[in-house]
Amino acid sequence: MKPENFCYSFVREYATPKQQVGLKLMKRFINPSDLLEKNRIAADKFDSDRRGFLKHGMLFTAALGFWTPELAKASTGPANGRALHFTNVHTGEKFQGEYWANGRYLPDAFGEIKTVMRDYRTGEKFPIDPRLMDILYVLQHRVENFSGYEVFSGYRCEATNARLRRISRGVAAHSLHMTGQACDMNMPGTRLATVRQAAVGLRSGGVGYYPVSDFVHVDTGRVRYW
């Protein structure tokens, strides 16, 4: 399947009619077709230029589009694939394995990812933005912790978001959780403040710090911190 068609076909297969509102919101922030095509081109450049970047002490992380010297230092071999390991703290379900290989995102992996990151309160599932996985991938290299993430919240349906807004002022009306673009997580073995600092350093989306609740929020929206 062509990468530029991946996100659209993914949505057609997994999104319910009720989720069309969320899809419209997602299109306000990203164009899935453009995103995947840009990632494909960047991934090809990543593969062909990686040796040169490493020689100069810098590495271009293809899908994010920014320089990450720390990731270059952490890399020990050709980046033929990108793997993640995370656990949903509410369900105990896990994803562990590659989500990207040979310059392409893997649809089967994203099928597992959207299941693990579903709205556990309602059971609703929604396609997850590939860039979110790339942020988590780079972040684990930044802090050199590969033991796995604990995910507190991934996708959140409209009804759940509304309910949470009634009990907490920290929940946005148009939360990027509703469009599969956000994740609340921590990394056992790494101080939460360190995770937050590393995420801010990526400058690839929003970062929220919630030490009382023991998680850091990351998303693929505009760069902002709170």
C-alpha atoms as a PDB file:
ATOM      1  CA  MET A   1       0.000   0.000   0.000  1.00  0.00           C
ATOM      2  CA  LYS A   2       1.299   3.455  -0.873  1.00  0.00           C
ATOM      3  CA  PRO A   3       2.130   5.472   2.239  1.00  0.00           C
ATOM      4  CA  GLU A   4       0.112   8.450   1.056  1.00  0.00           C
ATOM      5  CA  ASN A   5      -2.994   6.227   1.051  1.00  0.00           C
ATOM      6  CA  PHE A   6      -2.225   4.481   4.320  1.00  0.00           C
ATOM      7  CA  CYS A   7      -3.849   6.928   6.715  1.00  0.00           C
ATOM      8  CA  TYR A   8      -7.020   7.342   4.658  1.00  0.00           C
ATOM      9  CA  SER A   9      -7.552   3.599   4.258  1.00  0.00           C
ATOM     10  CA  PHE A  10      -6.774   3.148   7.932  1.00  0.00           C
ATOM     11  CA  VAL A  11      -9.497   5.638   8.829  1.00  0.00           C
ATOM     12  CA  ARG A  12     -12.005   4.007   6.478  1.00  0.00           C
ATOM     13  CA  GLU A  13     -11.357   0.630   8.078  1.00  0.00           C
ATOM     14  CA  TYR A  14     -11.316   1.565  11.747  1.00  0.00           C
ATOM     15  CA  ALA A  15     -13.213   4.811  12.305  1.00  0.00           C
ATOM     16  CA  THR A  16     -16.903   4.573  13.126  1.00  0.00           C
ATOM     17  CA  PRO A  17     -19.514   7.054  11.834  1.00  0.00           C
ATOM     18  CA  LYS A  18     -19.569   8.622  15.271  1.00  0.00           C
ATOM     19  CA  GLN A  19     -15.881   9.423  14.933  1.00  0.00           C
ATOM     20  CA  GLN A  20     -16.286  11.562  11.824  1.00  0.00           C
ATOM     21  CA  VAL A  21     -16.363  14.644  14.038  1.00  0.00           C
ATOM     22  CA  GLY A  22     -12.924  13.670  15.278  1.00  0.00           C
ATOM     23  CA  LEU A  23     -11.708  13.158  11.729  1.00  0.00           C
ATOM     24  CA  LYS A  24     -12.795  16.652  10.799  1.00  0.00           C
ATOM     25  CA  LEU A  25     -10.895  18.007  13.787  1.00  0.00           C
ATOM     26  CA  MET A  26      -7.790  16.056  12.766  1.00  0.00           C
ATOM     27  CA  LYS A  27      -7.871  17.574   9.289  1.00  0.00           C
ATOM     28  CA  ARG A  28      -7.704  21.012  10.900  1.00  0.00           C
ATOM     29  CA  PHE A  29      -4.264  20.145  12.256  1.00  0.00           C
ATOM     30  CA  ILE A  30      -2.746  17.769   9.689  1.00  0.00           C
ATOM     31  CA  ASN A  31      -3.244  16.550   6.148  1.00  0.00           C
ATOM     32  CA  PRO A  32      -2.685  12.784   6.475  1.00  0.00           C
ATOM     33  CA  SER A  33      -1.832  12.341   2.797  1.00  0.00           C
ATOM     34  CA  ASP A  34       0.793  15.090   2.851  1.00  0.00           C
ATOM     35  CA  LEU A  35       2.148  13.875   6.180  1.00  0.00           C
ATOM     36  CA  LEU A  36       2.742  10.317   5.029  1.00  0.00           C
ATOM     37  CA  GLU A  37       4.219  11.402   1.710  1.00  0.00           C
ATOM     38  CA  LYS A  38       6.625  13.778   3.444  1.00  0.00           C
ATOM     39  CA  ASN A  39       7.568  11.016   5.866  1.00  0.00           C
ATOM     40  CA  ARG A  40       8.209   8.616   2.979  1.00  0.00           C
ATOM     41  CA  ILE A  41      10.517  11.092   1.236  1.00  0.00           C
ATOM     42  CA  ALA A  42      12.275  11.930   4.496  1.00  0.00           C
ATOM     43  CA  ALA A  43      12.682   8.256   5.356  1.00  0.00           C
ATOM     44  CA  ASP A  44      14.339   7.585   1.996  1.00  0.00           C
ATOM     45  CA  LYS A  45      16.710  10.489   2.609  1.00  0.00           C
ATOM     46  CA  PHE A  46      17.324   9.229   6.124  1.00  0.00           C
ATOM     47  CA  ASP A  47      18.430   5.829   4.788  1.00  0.00           C
ATOM     48  CA  SER A  48      20.667   7.227   2.052  1.00  0.00           C
ATOM     49  CA  ASP A  49      22.293  10.014   4.061  1.00  0.00           C
ATOM     50  CA  ARG A  50      22.564   8.416   7.479  1.00  0.00           C
ATOM     51  CA  ARG A  51      26.262   7.545   7.231  1.00  0.00           C
ATOM     52  CA  GLY A  52      27.117  11.111   6.300  1.00  0.00           C
ATOM     53  CA  PHE A  53      25.077  12.557   9.139  1.00  0.00           C
ATOM     54  CA  LEU A  54      26.683  10.235  11.651  1.00  0.00           C
ATOM     55  CA  LYS A  55      30.133  11.167  10.374  1.00  0.00           C
ATOM     56  CA  HIS A  56      29.390  14.792  11.267  1.00  0.00           C
ATOM     57  CA  GLY A  57      27.813  13.904  14.594  1.00  0.00           C
ATOM     58  CA  MET A  58      24.229  14.665  13.555  1.00  0.00           C
ATOM     59  CA  LEU A  59      21.262  12.547  12.571  1.00  0.00           C
ATOM     60  CA  PHE A  60      18.096  13.551  10.776  1.00  0.00           C
ATOM     61  CA  THR A  61      15.103  11.794  12.272  1.00  0.00           C
ATOM     62  CA  ALA A  62      13.033  11.302   9.154  1.00  0.00           C
ATOM     63  CA  ALA A  63       9.440  11.577  10.235  1.00  0.00           C
ATOM     64  CA  LEU A  64       9.943  14.429  12.684  1.00  0.00           C
ATOM     65  CA  GLY A  65      12.024  16.750  10.521  1.00  0.00           C
ATOM     66  CA  PHE A  66      14.571  18.058  12.995  1.00  0.00           C
ATOM     67  CA  TRP A  67      18.198  17.459  13.947  1.00  0.00           C
ATOM     68  CA  THR A  68      18.902  15.196  16.917  1.00  0.00           C
ATOM     69  CA  PRO A  69      22.618  14.785  17.734  1.00  0.00           C
ATOM     70  CA  GLU A  70      21.689  12.834  20.878  1.00  0.00           C
ATOM     71  CA  LEU A  71      19.934  10.211  18.799  1.00  0.00           C
ATOM     72  CA  ALA A  72      22.970   9.927  16.553  1.00  0.00           C
ATOM     73  CA  LYS A  73      25.171   9.261  19.558  1.00  0.00           C
ATOM     74  CA  ALA A  74      22.753   6.595  20.797  1.00  0.00           C
ATOM     75  CA  SER A  75      22.575   4.815  17.436  1.00  0.00           C
ATOM     76  CA  THR A  76      24.885   1.866  16.944  1.00  0.00           C
ATOM     77  CA  GLY A  77      23.800   0.506  13.582  1.00  0.00           C
ATOM     78  CA  PRO A  78      21.737   1.110  10.448  1.00  0.00           C
ATOM     79  CA  ALA A  79      18.215   2.232  11.257  1.00  0.00           C
ATOM     80  CA  ASN A  80      16.303  -0.365   9.263  1.00  0.00           C
ATOM     81  CA  GLY A  81      13.407  -0.241  11.691  1.00  0.00           C
ATOM     82  CA  ARG A  82      11.887   1.685  14.571  1.00  0.00           C
ATOM     83  CA  ALA A  83      10.542  -0.197  17.551  1.00  0.00           C
ATOM     84  CA  LEU A  84       8.578   0.774  20.637  1.00  0.00           C
ATOM     85  CA  HIS A  85       7.384  -0.887  23.791  1.00  0.00           C
ATOM     86  CA  PHE A  86       4.525   0.519  25.855  1.00  0.00           C
ATOM     87  CA  THR A  87       1.857  -0.698  28.258  1.00  0.00           C
ATOM     88  CA  ASN A  88      -1.617   0.687  28.854  1.00  0.00           C
ATOM     89  CA  VAL A  89      -1.717   1.096  32.645  1.00  0.00           C
ATOM     90  CA  HIS A  90      -5.503   0.715  32.728  1.00  0.00           C
ATOM     91  CA  THR A  91      -5.822  -2.518  30.733  1.00  0.00           C
ATOM     92  CA  GLY A  92      -2.361  -4.055  31.028  1.00  0.00           C
ATOM     93  CA  GLU A  93      -2.254  -4.480  27.239  1.00  0.00           C
ATOM     94  CA  LYS A  94       1.097  -4.040  25.563  1.00  0.00           C
ATOM     95  CA  PHE A  95       2.575  -3.142  22.223  1.00  0.00           C
ATOM     96  CA  GLN A  96       6.121  -4.271  21.599  1.00  0.00           C
ATOM     97  CA  GLY A  97       7.787  -4.348  18.228  1.00  0.00           C
ATOM     98  CA  GLU A  98       8.518  -2.401  15.078  1.00  0.00           C
ATOM     99  CA  TYR A  99       6.002   0.109  13.755  1.00  0.00           C
ATOM    100  CA  TRP A 100       8.206   1.334  10.898  1.00  0.00           C
ATOM    101  CA  ALA A 101      10.597  -0.633   8.715  1.00  0.00           C
ATOM    102  CA  ASN A 102      12.483  -0.066   5.493  1.00  0.00           C
ATOM    103  CA  GLY A 103      11.140   3.440   5.083  1.00  0.00           C
ATOM    104  CA  ARG A 104       7.482   2.533   5.615  1.00  0.00           C
ATOM    105  CA  TYR A 105       4.971   2.530   8.450  1.00  0.00           C
ATOM    106  CA  LEU A 106       3.511  -0.908   9.153  1.00  0.00           C
ATOM    107  CA  PRO A 107      -0.313  -1.081   8.990  1.00  0.00           C
ATOM    108  CA  ASP A 108      -0.501  -4.252  11.112  1.00  0.00           C
ATOM    109  CA  ALA A 109       1.533  -2.583  13.847  1.00  0.00           C
ATOM    110  CA  PHE A 110      -0.738   0.453  13.820  1.00  0.00           C
ATOM    111  CA  GLY A 111      -3.698  -1.885  14.131  1.00  0.00           C
ATOM    112  CA  GLU A 112      -2.204  -3.129  17.397  1.00  0.00           C
ATOM    113  CA  ILE A 113      -1.254   0.365  18.503  1.00  0.00           C
ATOM    114  CA  LYS A 114      -4.763   1.768  18.113  1.00  0.00           C
ATOM    115  CA  THR A 115      -6.077  -1.160  20.161  1.00  0.00           C
ATOM    116  CA  VAL A 116      -3.642  -0.630  23.037  1.00  0.00           C
ATOM    117  CA  MET A 117      -4.170   3.145  22.922  1.00  0.00           C
ATOM    118  CA  ARG A 118      -7.953   3.001  22.628  1.00  0.00           C
ATOM    119  CA  ASP A 119     -10.317   4.834  24.954  1.00  0.00           C
ATOM    120  CA  TYR A 120     -10.400   2.236  27.736  1.00  0.00           C
ATOM    121  CA  ARG A 121     -13.525   3.785  29.233  1.00  0.00           C
ATOM    122  CA  THR A 122     -15.677   3.121  26.158  1.00  0.00           C
ATOM    123  CA  GLY A 123     -13.611   0.662  24.140  1.00  0.00           C
ATOM    124  CA  GLU A 124     -13.635   3.003  21.125  1.00  0.00           C
ATOM    125  CA  LYS A 125     -10.604   2.897  18.841  1.00  0.00           C
ATOM    126  CA  PHE A 126      -9.170   5.532  16.545  1.00  0.00           C
ATOM    127  CA  PRO A 127      -6.196   5.739  14.154  1.00  0.00           C
ATOM    128  CA  ILE A 128      -3.065   7.047  15.888  1.00  0.00           C
ATOM    129  CA  ASP A 129      -0.949   9.737  14.237  1.00  0.00           C
ATOM    130  CA  PRO A 130       2.322   8.100  13.081  1.00  0.00           C
ATOM    131  CA  ARG A 131       4.240  11.198  14.169  1.00  0.00           C
ATOM    132  CA  LEU A 132       3.237  10.497  17.767  1.00  0.00           C
ATOM    133  CA  MET A 133       5.013   7.158  17.600  1.00  0.00           C
ATOM    134  CA  ASP A 134       8.067   8.877  16.134  1.00  0.00           C
ATOM    135  CA  ILE A 135       8.156  11.326  19.030  1.00  0.00           C
ATOM    136  CA  LEU A 136       8.099   8.430  21.499  1.00  0.00           C
ATOM    137  CA  TYR A 137      10.763   6.630  19.484  1.00  0.00           C
ATOM    138  CA  VAL A 138      13.146   9.596  19.521  1.00  0.00           C
ATOM    139  CA  LEU A 139      12.387  10.389  23.143  1.00  0.00           C
ATOM    140  CA  GLN A 140      13.466   6.962  24.361  1.00  0.00           C
ATOM    141  CA  HIS A 141      16.815   7.525  22.635  1.00  0.00           C
ATOM    142  CA  ARG A 142      17.152  10.971  24.140  1.00  0.00           C
ATOM    143  CA  VAL A 143      16.865   9.614  27.677  1.00  0.00           C
ATOM    144  CA  GLU A 144      18.457   6.232  26.833  1.00  0.00           C
ATOM    145  CA  ASN A 145      15.630   4.268  28.398  1.00  0.00           C
ATOM    146  CA  PHE A 146      14.267   1.362  26.359  1.00  0.00           C
ATOM    147  CA  SER A 147      12.397  -0.430  29.133  1.00  0.00           C
ATOM    148  CA  GLY A 148       9.050   0.760  27.805  1.00  0.00           C
ATOM    149  CA  TYR A 149       6.482   3.484  28.376  1.00  0.00           C
ATOM    150  CA  GLU A 150       3.506   3.449  30.687  1.00  0.00           C
ATOM    151  CA  VAL A 151       0.579   4.990  28.793  1.00  0.00           C
ATOM    152  CA  PHE A 152      -2.126   6.672  30.857  1.00  0.00           C
ATOM    153  CA  SER A 153      -4.132   8.067  27.953  1.00  0.00           C
ATOM    154  CA  GLY A 154      -3.986   7.732  24.188  1.00  0.00           C
ATOM    155  CA  TYR A 155      -7.140   8.151  22.143  1.00  0.00           C
ATOM    156  CA  ARG A 156     -10.069   9.729  23.972  1.00  0.00           C
ATOM    157  CA  CYS A 157     -13.553   9.824  22.452  1.00  0.00           C
ATOM    158  CA  GLU A 158     -15.687  12.969  22.486  1.00  0.00           C
ATOM    159  CA  ALA A 159     -17.967  11.707  25.259  1.00  0.00           C
ATOM    160  CA  THR A 160     -15.046  10.785  27.501  1.00  0.00           C
ATOM    161  CA  ASN A 161     -13.369  14.116  26.899  1.00  0.00           C
ATOM    162  CA  ALA A 162     -16.556  15.977  27.788  1.00  0.00           C
ATOM    163  CA  ARG A 163     -16.948  13.954  30.969  1.00  0.00           C
ATOM    164  CA  LEU A 164     -13.359  14.633  32.022  1.00  0.00           C
ATOM    165  CA  ARG A 165     -13.793  18.341  31.324  1.00  0.00           C
ATOM    166  CA  ARG A 166     -16.646  18.424  33.829  1.00  0.00           C
ATOM    167  CA  ILE A 167     -14.355  17.223  36.606  1.00  0.00           C
ATOM    168  CA  SER A 168     -11.043  18.814  35.589  1.00  0.00           C
ATOM    169  CA  ARG A 169     -10.105  22.226  34.238  1.00  0.00           C
ATOM    170  CA  GLY A 170      -6.955  20.721  32.746  1.00  0.00           C
ATOM    171  CA  VAL A 171      -8.836  18.991  29.900  1.00  0.00           C
ATOM    172  CA  ALA A 172      -9.062  20.934  26.633  1.00  0.00           C
ATOM    173  CA  ALA A 173     -12.373  21.184  24.783  1.00  0.00           C
ATOM    174  CA  HIS A 174     -10.699  20.203  21.523  1.00  0.00           C
ATOM    175  CA  SER A 175      -8.099  17.895  23.012  1.00  0.00           C
ATOM    176  CA  LEU A 176      -5.706  16.283  20.540  1.00  0.00           C
ATOM    177  CA  HIS A 177      -6.438  13.025  22.347  1.00  0.00           C
ATOM    178  CA  MET A 178      -9.700  13.029  20.382  1.00  0.00           C
ATOM    179  CA  THR A 179      -7.808  12.907  17.086  1.00  0.00           C
ATOM    180  CA  GLY A 180      -5.214  10.284  18.025  1.00  0.00           C
ATOM    181  CA  GLN A 181      -2.484  12.913  18.245  1.00  0.00           C
ATOM    182  CA  ALA A 182      -1.656  12.851  21.959  1.00  0.00           C
ATOM    183  CA  CYS A 183      -0.301  10.539  24.615  1.00  0.00           C
ATOM    184  CA  ASP A 184       0.028  10.859  28.404  1.00  0.00           C
ATOM    185  CA  MET A 185       2.879   8.674  29.595  1.00  0.00           C
ATOM    186  CA  ASN A 186       5.874   8.148  31.822  1.00  0.00           C
ATOM    187  CA  MET A 187       9.048   6.082  31.564  1.00  0.00           C
ATOM    188  CA  PRO A 188       9.768   3.849  34.570  1.00  0.00           C
ATOM    189  CA  GLY A 189      13.389   4.272  35.551  1.00  0.00           C
ATOM    190  CA  THR A 190      13.621   7.884  34.338  1.00  0.00           C
ATOM    191  CA  ARG A 191      12.646  10.910  36.429  1.00  0.00           C
ATOM    192  CA  LEU A 192       9.494  12.568  35.147  1.00  0.00           C
ATOM    193  CA  ALA A 193      11.232  15.957  35.051  1.00  0.00           C
ATOM    194  CA  THR A 194      13.916  14.437  32.823  1.00  0.00           C
ATOM    195  CA  VAL A 195      11.294  13.052  30.442  1.00  0.00           C
ATOM    196  CA  ARG A 196       9.635  16.459  30.291  1.00  0.00           C
ATOM    197  CA  GLN A 197      12.915  18.244  29.620  1.00  0.00           C
ATOM    198  CA  ALA A 198      13.842  15.821  26.832  1.00  0.00           C
ATOM    199  CA  ALA A 199      10.395  16.132  25.235  1.00  0.00           C
ATOM    200  CA  VAL A 200      10.617  19.929  25.270  1.00  0.00           C
ATOM    201  CA  GLY A 201      14.013  19.655  23.595  1.00  0.00           C
ATOM    202  CA  LEU A 202      12.480  17.839  20.642  1.00  0.00           C
ATOM    203  CA  ARG A 203      10.416  20.901  19.690  1.00  0.00           C
ATOM    204  CA  SER A 204       8.028  18.726  17.714  1.00  0.00           C
ATOM    205  CA  GLY A 205       4.679  19.391  19.388  1.00  0.00           C
ATOM    206  CA  GLY A 206       3.032  20.140  22.690  1.00  0.00           C
ATOM    207  CA  VAL A 207       4.453  19.031  26.040  1.00  0.00           C
ATOM    208  CA  GLY A 208       2.540  19.132  29.319  1.00  0.00           C
ATOM    209  CA  TYR A 209       3.991  18.335  32.743  1.00  0.00           C
ATOM    210  CA  TYR A 210       1.762  16.682  35.367  1.00  0.00           C
ATOM    211  CA  PRO A 211       3.979  15.581  38.284  1.00  0.00           C
ATOM    212  CA  VAL A 212       1.049  15.024  40.660  1.00  0.00           C
ATOM    213  CA  SER A 213      -0.534  12.568  38.208  1.00  0.00           C
ATOM    214  CA  ASP A 214       2.923  11.172  37.308  1.00  0.00           C
ATOM    215  CA  PHE A 215       2.818  11.663  33.547  1.00  0.00           C
ATOM    216  CA  VAL A 216       4.041  13.859  30.724  1.00  0.00           C
ATOM    217  CA  HIS A 217       1.711  14.794  27.867  1.00  0.00           C
ATOM    218  CA  VAL A 218       3.144  14.860  24.334  1.00  0.00           C
ATOM    219  CA  ASP A 219       1.259  15.628  21.138  1.00  0.00           C
ATOM    220  CA  THR A 220       1.810  16.428  17.474  1.00  0.00           C
ATOM    221  CA  GLY A 221       0.135  19.827  17.521  1.00  0.00           C
ATOM    222  CA  ARG A 222       1.909  23.179  17.487  1.00  0.00           C
ATOM    223  CA  VAL A 223       4.975  23.617  19.668  1.00  0.00           C
ATOM    224  CA  ARG A 224       3.901  24.804  23.135  1.00  0.00           C
ATOM    225  CA  TYR A 225       4.618  23.912  26.766  1.00  0.00           C
ATOM    226  CA  TRP A 226       2.725  24.016  30.043  1.00  0.00           C
END
